[in-house]
């Protein structure tokens, strides 16, 4: 499976999705709340946006994600 990012209006995204070859088994959709008004609940903060997906994420205690470490081959690579 290859991840694909589709951007545009609902209709544009739907048209692109329909035109794709192969089976689509999952989708992550970001919906902007255009009805947000003063006095109503605030939208989720960026940190909370992925809270629903936390069960699908890999959790490790320490990750060296520095540029040097990312682009340096490790033992066995």
PDB file of N, CA and C in Angstrom:
ATOM      1  N   UNK A   1       0.838  -1.187   0.000  1.00  0.00           N
ATOM      2  CA  UNK A   1       0.000   0.000   0.000  1.00  0.00           C
ATOM      3  C   UNK A   1       0.876   1.241   0.000  1.00  0.00           C
ATOM      4  N   UNK A   2       0.450   2.233  -0.723  1.00  0.00           N
ATOM      5  CA  UNK A   2       1.163   3.507  -0.768  1.00  0.00           C
ATOM      6  C   UNK A   2       0.272   4.611  -0.230  1.00  0.00           C
ATOM      7  N   UNK A   3       0.791   5.436   0.666  1.00  0.00           N
ATOM      8  CA  UNK A   3      -0.014   6.563   1.158  1.00  0.00           C
ATOM      9  C   UNK A   3      -0.139   7.634   0.084  1.00  0.00           C
ATOM     10  N   UNK A   4      -1.312   8.228  -0.001  1.00  0.00           N
ATOM     11  CA  UNK A   4      -1.582   9.290  -0.969  1.00  0.00           C
ATOM     12  C   UNK A   4      -2.279  10.424  -0.231  1.00  0.00           C
ATOM     13  N   UNK A   5      -1.864  11.654  -0.469  1.00  0.00           N
ATOM     14  CA  UNK A   5      -2.499  12.821   0.136  1.00  0.00           C
ATOM     15  C   UNK A   5      -3.374  13.476  -0.922  1.00  0.00           C
ATOM     16  N   UNK A   6      -4.655  13.623  -0.619  1.00  0.00           N
ATOM     17  CA  UNK A   6      -5.598  14.284  -1.520  1.00  0.00           C
ATOM     18  C   UNK A   6      -6.033  15.586  -0.874  1.00  0.00           C
ATOM     19  N   UNK A   7      -5.904  16.682  -1.601  1.00  0.00           N
ATOM     20  CA  UNK A   7      -6.301  17.988  -1.076  1.00  0.00           C
ATOM     21  C   UNK A   7      -7.309  18.615  -2.023  1.00  0.00           C
ATOM     22  N   UNK A   8      -8.189  19.431  -1.456  1.00  0.00           N
ATOM     23  CA  UNK A   8      -9.174  20.142  -2.260  1.00  0.00           C
ATOM     24  C   UNK A   8     -10.503  20.187  -1.549  1.00  0.00           C
ATOM     25  N   UNK A   9     -11.530  20.527  -2.302  1.00  0.00           N
ATOM     26  CA  UNK A   9     -12.881  20.527  -1.748  1.00  0.00           C
ATOM     27  C   UNK A   9     -13.359  19.088  -1.606  1.00  0.00           C
ATOM     28  N   UNK A  10     -14.498  18.893  -0.949  1.00  0.00           N
ATOM     29  CA  UNK A  10     -15.048  17.544  -0.815  1.00  0.00           C
ATOM     30  C   UNK A  10     -15.243  16.906  -2.185  1.00  0.00           C
ATOM     31  N   UNK A  11     -15.789  17.683  -3.115  1.00  0.00           N
ATOM     32  CA  UNK A  11     -16.053  17.160  -4.452  1.00  0.00           C
ATOM     33  C   UNK A  11     -14.753  16.809  -5.176  1.00  0.00           C
ATOM     34  N   UNK A  12     -13.735  17.656  -5.044  1.00  0.00           N
ATOM     35  CA  UNK A  12     -12.455  17.389  -5.706  1.00  0.00           C
ATOM     36  C   UNK A  12     -11.792  16.146  -5.128  1.00  0.00           C
ATOM     37  N   UNK A  13     -11.836  16.023  -3.800  1.00  0.00           N
ATOM     38  CA  UNK A  13     -11.241  14.852  -3.153  1.00  0.00           C
ATOM     39  C   UNK A  13     -11.991  13.592  -3.558  1.00  0.00           C
ATOM     40  N   UNK A  14     -13.320  13.648  -3.576  1.00  0.00           N
ATOM     41  CA  UNK A  14     -14.124  12.488  -3.968  1.00  0.00           C
ATOM     42  C   UNK A  14     -13.829  12.083  -5.406  1.00  0.00           C
ATOM     43  N   UNK A  15     -13.715  13.051  -6.304  1.00  0.00           N
ATOM     44  CA  UNK A  15     -13.430  12.751  -7.710  1.00  0.00           C
ATOM     45  C   UNK A  15     -12.058  12.095  -7.854  1.00  0.00           C
ATOM     46  N   UNK A  16     -11.071  12.602  -7.118  1.00  0.00           N
ATOM     47  CA  UNK A  16      -9.731  12.013  -7.171  1.00  0.00           C
ATOM     48  C   UNK A  16      -9.750  10.594  -6.614  1.00  0.00           C
ATOM     49  N   UNK A  17     -10.498  10.390  -5.536  1.00  0.00           N
ATOM     50  CA  UNK A  17     -10.584   9.074  -4.913  1.00  0.00           C
ATOM     51  C   UNK A  17     -11.252   8.071  -5.847  1.00  0.00           C
ATOM     52  N   UNK A  18     -12.313   8.495  -6.496  1.00  0.00           N
ATOM     53  CA  UNK A  18     -13.020   7.619  -7.431  1.00  0.00           C
ATOM     54  C   UNK A  18     -12.112   7.228  -8.588  1.00  0.00           C
ATOM     55  N   UNK A  19     -11.273   8.147  -9.032  1.00  0.00           N
ATOM     56  CA  UNK A  19     -10.393   7.883 -10.163  1.00  0.00           C
ATOM     57  C   UNK A  19      -9.168   7.046  -9.843  1.00  0.00           C
ATOM     58  N   UNK A  20      -8.943   6.746  -8.571  1.00  0.00           N
ATOM     59  CA  UNK A  20      -7.761   5.970  -8.188  1.00  0.00           C
ATOM     60  C   UNK A  20      -7.965   4.494  -8.498  1.00  0.00           C
ATOM     61  N   UNK A  21      -6.896   3.861  -8.943  1.00  0.00           N
ATOM     62  CA  UNK A  21      -6.936   2.420  -9.194  1.00  0.00           C
ATOM     63  C   UNK A  21      -6.528   1.705  -7.916  1.00  0.00           C
ATOM     64  N   UNK A  22      -7.035   0.512  -7.723  1.00  0.00           N
ATOM     65  CA  UNK A  22      -6.692  -0.262  -6.533  1.00  0.00           C
ATOM     66  C   UNK A  22      -7.728  -0.087  -5.438  1.00  0.00           C
ATOM     67  N   UNK A  23      -7.531  -0.847  -4.373  1.00  0.00           N
ATOM     68  CA  UNK A  23      -8.471  -0.830  -3.256  1.00  0.00           C
ATOM     69  C   UNK A  23      -8.034   0.179  -2.201  1.00  0.00           C
ATOM     70  N   UNK A  24      -8.973   0.933  -1.689  1.00  0.00           N
ATOM     71  CA  UNK A  24      -8.714   1.864  -0.597  1.00  0.00           C
ATOM     72  C   UNK A  24      -9.279   1.228   0.663  1.00  0.00           C
ATOM     73  N   UNK A  25      -8.411   1.011   1.667  1.00  0.00           N
ATOM     74  CA  UNK A  25      -8.877   0.322   2.866  1.00  0.00           C
ATOM     75  C   UNK A  25      -9.027   1.239   4.068  1.00  0.00           C
ATOM     76  N   UNK A  26      -8.351   2.398   4.067  1.00  0.00           N
ATOM     77  CA  UNK A  26      -8.448   3.315   5.200  1.00  0.00           C
ATOM     78  C   UNK A  26      -8.298   4.736   4.708  1.00  0.00           C
ATOM     79  N   UNK A  27      -8.819   5.673   5.492  1.00  0.00           N
ATOM     80  CA  UNK A  27      -8.662   7.092   5.165  1.00  0.00           C
ATOM     81  C   UNK A  27      -8.624   7.897   6.456  1.00  0.00           C
ATOM     82  N   UNK A  28      -7.781   8.914   6.473  1.00  0.00           N
ATOM     83  CA  UNK A  28      -7.747   9.877   7.569  1.00  0.00           C
ATOM     84  C   UNK A  28      -8.212  11.191   6.977  1.00  0.00           C
ATOM     85  N   UNK A  29      -9.256  11.757   7.540  1.00  0.00           N
ATOM     86  CA  UNK A  29      -9.858  12.970   6.985  1.00  0.00           C
ATOM     87  C   UNK A  29      -9.809  14.072   8.033  1.00  0.00           C
ATOM     88  N   UNK A  30      -9.340  15.249   7.635  1.00  0.00           N
ATOM     89  CA  UNK A  30      -9.316  16.412   8.516  1.00  0.00           C
ATOM     90  C   UNK A  30     -10.445  17.338   8.086  1.00  0.00           C
ATOM     91  N   UNK A  31     -11.387  17.581   8.992  1.00  0.00           N
ATOM     92  CA  UNK A  31     -12.549  18.409   8.697  1.00  0.00           C
ATOM     93  C   UNK A  31     -12.422  19.709   9.473  1.00  0.00           C
ATOM     94  N   UNK A  32     -12.400  20.809   8.754  1.00  0.00           N
ATOM     95  CA  UNK A  32     -12.349  22.114   9.402  1.00  0.00           C
ATOM     96  C   UNK A  32     -13.736  22.503   9.872  1.00  0.00           C
ATOM     97  N   UNK A  33     -13.845  22.980  11.099  1.00  0.00           N
ATOM     98  CA  UNK A  33     -15.135  23.375  11.649  1.00  0.00           C
ATOM     99  C   UNK A  33     -15.402  24.836  11.313  1.00  0.00           C
ATOM    100  N   UNK A  34     -16.177  25.066  10.283  1.00  0.00           N
ATOM    101  CA  UNK A  34     -16.460  26.436   9.857  1.00  0.00           C
ATOM    102  C   UNK A  34     -17.557  27.083  10.699  1.00  0.00           C
ATOM    103  N   UNK A  35     -18.187  26.294  11.576  1.00  0.00           N
ATOM    104  CA  UNK A  35     -19.270  26.851  12.392  1.00  0.00           C
ATOM    105  C   UNK A  35     -18.773  27.340  13.746  1.00  0.00           C
ATOM    106  N   UNK A  36     -17.459  27.372  13.967  1.00  0.00           N
ATOM    107  CA  UNK A  36     -16.917  27.822  15.246  1.00  0.00           C
ATOM    108  C   UNK A  36     -17.269  29.288  15.444  1.00  0.00           C
ATOM    109  N   UNK A  37     -17.905  29.565  16.549  1.00  0.00           N
ATOM    110  CA  UNK A  37     -18.322  30.934  16.854  1.00  0.00           C
ATOM    111  C   UNK A  37     -17.998  31.235  18.308  1.00  0.00           C
ATOM    112  N   UNK A  38     -17.852  32.503  18.663  1.00  0.00           N
ATOM    113  CA  UNK A  38     -17.596  32.850  20.061  1.00  0.00           C
ATOM    114  C   UNK A  38     -18.673  32.269  20.979  1.00  0.00           C
ATOM    115  N   UNK A  39     -18.252  31.729  22.111  1.00  0.00           N
ATOM    116  CA  UNK A  39     -19.197  31.147  23.057  1.00  0.00           C
ATOM    117  C   UNK A  39     -19.407  29.662  22.860  1.00  0.00           C
ATOM    118  N   UNK A  40     -18.877  29.097  21.776  1.00  0.00           N
ATOM    119  CA  UNK A  40     -18.994  27.660  21.550  1.00  0.00           C
ATOM    120  C   UNK A  40     -17.668  27.010  21.900  1.00  0.00           C
ATOM    121  N   UNK A  41     -17.650  25.697  21.907  1.00  0.00           N
ATOM    122  CA  UNK A  41     -16.429  24.975  22.257  1.00  0.00           C
ATOM    123  C   UNK A  41     -15.327  25.269  21.249  1.00  0.00           C
ATOM    124  N   UNK A  42     -14.133  25.437  21.751  1.00  0.00           N
ATOM    125  CA  UNK A  42     -12.988  25.722  20.882  1.00  0.00           C
ATOM    126  C   UNK A  42     -12.587  24.468  20.113  1.00  0.00           C
ATOM    127  N   UNK A  43     -12.051  24.631  18.919  1.00  0.00           N
ATOM    128  CA  UNK A  43     -11.577  23.464  18.168  1.00  0.00           C
ATOM    129  C   UNK A  43     -10.379  22.839  18.872  1.00  0.00           C
ATOM    130  N   UNK A  44     -10.067  21.604  18.514  1.00  0.00           N
ATOM    131  CA  UNK A  44      -8.947  20.903  19.130  1.00  0.00           C
ATOM    132  C   UNK A  44      -7.635  21.611  18.836  1.00  0.00           C
ATOM    133  N   UNK A  45      -6.752  21.607  19.808  1.00  0.00           N
ATOM    134  CA  UNK A  45      -5.409  22.149  19.608  1.00  0.00           C
ATOM    135  C   UNK A  45      -4.632  21.188  18.720  1.00  0.00           C
ATOM    136  N   UNK A  46      -3.577  21.675  18.107  1.00  0.00           N
ATOM    137  CA  UNK A  46      -2.771  20.826  17.232  1.00  0.00           C
ATOM    138  C   UNK A  46      -2.284  19.576  17.943  1.00  0.00           C
ATOM    139  N   UNK A  47      -1.948  19.697  19.231  1.00  0.00           N
ATOM    140  CA  UNK A  47      -1.454  18.546  19.975  1.00  0.00           C
ATOM    141  C   UNK A  47      -2.533  17.478  20.145  1.00  0.00           C
ATOM    142  N   UNK A  48      -3.793  17.896  20.211  1.00  0.00           N
ATOM    143  CA  UNK A  48      -4.890  16.959  20.438  1.00  0.00           C
ATOM    144  C   UNK A  48      -5.443  16.361  19.150  1.00  0.00           C
ATOM    145  N   UNK A  49      -5.044  16.911  18.011  1.00  0.00           N
ATOM    146  CA  UNK A  49      -5.626  16.486  16.745  1.00  0.00           C
ATOM    147  C   UNK A  49      -5.403  15.000  16.478  1.00  0.00           C
ATOM    148  N   UNK A  50      -4.252  14.467  16.903  1.00  0.00           N
ATOM    149  CA  UNK A  50      -3.936  13.074  16.634  1.00  0.00           C
ATOM    150  C   UNK A  50      -4.260  12.156  17.810  1.00  0.00           C
ATOM    151  N   UNK A  51      -4.954  12.646  18.817  1.00  0.00           N
ATOM    152  CA  UNK A  51      -5.262  11.844  20.003  1.00  0.00           C
ATOM    153  C   UNK A  51      -6.035  10.578  19.648  1.00  0.00           C
ATOM    154  N   UNK A  52      -6.956  10.665  18.707  1.00  0.00           N
ATOM    155  CA  UNK A  52      -7.737   9.495  18.310  1.00  0.00           C
ATOM    156  C   UNK A  52      -6.872   8.420  17.677  1.00  0.00           C
ATOM    157  N   UNK A  53      -5.761   8.820  17.072  1.00  0.00           N
ATOM    158  CA  UNK A  53      -4.909   7.865  16.373  1.00  0.00           C
ATOM    159  C   UNK A  53      -3.796   7.327  17.254  1.00  0.00           C
ATOM    160  N   UNK A  54      -3.771   7.679  18.538  1.00  0.00           N
ATOM    161  CA  UNK A  54      -2.667   7.275  19.414  1.00  0.00           C
ATOM    162  C   UNK A  54      -2.528   5.759  19.514  1.00  0.00           C
ATOM    163  N   UNK A  55      -3.616   5.021  19.395  1.00  0.00           N
ATOM    164  CA  UNK A  55      -3.524   3.563  19.481  1.00  0.00           C
ATOM    165  C   UNK A  55      -2.807   2.965  18.277  1.00  0.00           C
ATOM    166  N   UNK A  56      -2.662   3.725  17.204  1.00  0.00           N
ATOM    167  CA  UNK A  56      -1.986   3.243  15.997  1.00  0.00           C
ATOM    168  C   UNK A  56      -0.540   3.728  15.912  1.00  0.00           C
ATOM    169  N   UNK A  57      -0.105   4.499  16.893  1.00  0.00           N
ATOM    170  CA  UNK A  57       1.228   5.089  16.855  1.00  0.00           C
ATOM    171  C   UNK A  57       2.236   4.218  17.595  1.00  0.00           C
ATOM    172  N   UNK A  58       3.487   4.304  17.184  1.00  0.00           N
ATOM    173  CA  UNK A  58       4.573   3.594  17.844  1.00  0.00           C
ATOM    174  C   UNK A  58       5.080   4.459  18.984  1.00  0.00           C
ATOM    175  N   UNK A  59       5.225   3.857  20.151  1.00  0.00           N
ATOM    176  CA  UNK A  59       5.701   4.605  21.315  1.00  0.00           C
ATOM    177  C   UNK A  59       7.058   4.063  21.743  1.00  0.00           C
ATOM    178  N   UNK A  60       8.043   4.936  21.844  1.00  0.00           N
ATOM    179  CA  UNK A  60       9.369   4.564  22.330  1.00  0.00           C
ATOM    180  C   UNK A  60       9.812   5.608  23.340  1.00  0.00           C
ATOM    181  N   UNK A  61      10.703   5.203  24.250  1.00  0.00           N
ATOM    182  CA  UNK A  61      11.160   6.125  25.285  1.00  0.00           C
ATOM    183  C   UNK A  61      12.090   7.194  24.747  1.00  0.00           C
ATOM    184  N   UNK A  62      12.998   6.809  23.838  1.00  0.00           N
ATOM    185  CA  UNK A  62      13.962   7.781  23.333  1.00  0.00           C
ATOM    186  C   UNK A  62      14.155   7.582  21.837  1.00  0.00           C
ATOM    187  N   UNK A  63      14.046   8.639  21.094  1.00  0.00           N
ATOM    188  CA  UNK A  63      14.288   8.603  19.657  1.00  0.00           C
ATOM    189  C   UNK A  63      15.221   9.753  19.318  1.00  0.00           C
ATOM    190  N   UNK A  64      16.344   9.421  18.700  1.00  0.00           N
ATOM    191  CA  UNK A  64      17.264  10.461  18.246  1.00  0.00           C
ATOM    192  C   UNK A  64      16.865  10.809  16.816  1.00  0.00           C
ATOM    193  N   UNK A  65      16.020  11.814  16.679  1.00  0.00           N
ATOM    194  CA  UNK A  65      15.550  12.198  15.350  1.00  0.00           C
ATOM    195  C   UNK A  65      16.293  13.422  14.821  1.00  0.00           C
ATOM    196  N   UNK A  66      17.535  13.567  15.256  1.00  0.00           N
ATOM    197  CA  UNK A  66      18.347  14.667  14.746  1.00  0.00           C
ATOM    198  C   UNK A  66      18.663  14.412  13.275  1.00  0.00           C
ATOM    199  N   UNK A  67      18.906  15.463  12.541  1.00  0.00           N
ATOM    200  CA  UNK A  67      19.210  15.346  11.112  1.00  0.00           C
ATOM    201  C   UNK A  67      20.393  14.396  10.891  1.00  0.00           C
ATOM    202  N   UNK A  68      21.424  14.543  11.717  1.00  0.00           N
ATOM    203  CA  UNK A  68      22.613  13.697  11.573  1.00  0.00           C
ATOM    204  C   UNK A  68      22.259  12.223  11.739  1.00  0.00           C
ATOM    205  N   UNK A  69      21.459  11.894  12.738  1.00  0.00           N
ATOM    206  CA  UNK A  69      21.097  10.503  12.977  1.00  0.00           C
ATOM    207  C   UNK A  69      20.187   9.955  11.881  1.00  0.00           C
ATOM    208  N   UNK A  70      19.296  10.766  11.375  1.00  0.00           N
ATOM    209  CA  UNK A  70      18.383  10.305  10.326  1.00  0.00           C
ATOM    210  C   UNK A  70      19.149   9.938   9.058  1.00  0.00           C
ATOM    211  N   UNK A  71      20.160  10.726   8.711  1.00  0.00           N
ATOM    212  CA  UNK A  71      20.886  10.517   7.462  1.00  0.00           C
ATOM    213  C   UNK A  71      22.168   9.705   7.623  1.00  0.00           C
ATOM    214  N   UNK A  72      22.415   9.135   8.795  1.00  0.00           N
ATOM    215  CA  UNK A  72      23.584   8.292   9.021  1.00  0.00           C
ATOM    216  C   UNK A  72      23.132   6.845   9.084  1.00  0.00           C
ATOM    217  N   UNK A  73      23.789   5.993   8.291  1.00  0.00           N
ATOM    218  CA  UNK A  73      23.434   4.568   8.311  1.00  0.00           C
ATOM    219  C   UNK A  73      23.785   3.958   9.665  1.00  0.00           C
ATOM    220  N   UNK A  74      22.896   3.108  10.147  1.00  0.00           N
ATOM    221  CA  UNK A  74      23.097   2.423  11.412  1.00  0.00           C
ATOM    222  C   UNK A  74      23.668   1.028  11.143  1.00  0.00           C
ATOM    223  N   UNK A  75      24.133   0.371  12.173  1.00  0.00           N
ATOM    224  CA  UNK A  75      24.666  -0.978  12.040  1.00  0.00           C
ATOM    225  C   UNK A  75      23.577  -1.881  11.473  1.00  0.00           C
ATOM    226  N   UNK A  76      23.905  -2.631  10.432  1.00  0.00           N
ATOM    227  CA  UNK A  76      22.951  -3.550   9.826  1.00  0.00           C
ATOM    228  C   UNK A  76      22.158  -2.968   8.673  1.00  0.00           C
ATOM    229  N   UNK A  77      22.338  -1.685   8.386  1.00  0.00           N
ATOM    230  CA  UNK A  77      21.605  -1.088   7.266  1.00  0.00           C
ATOM    231  C   UNK A  77      22.398  -1.223   5.988  1.00  0.00           C
TER     232      UNK A  77
END
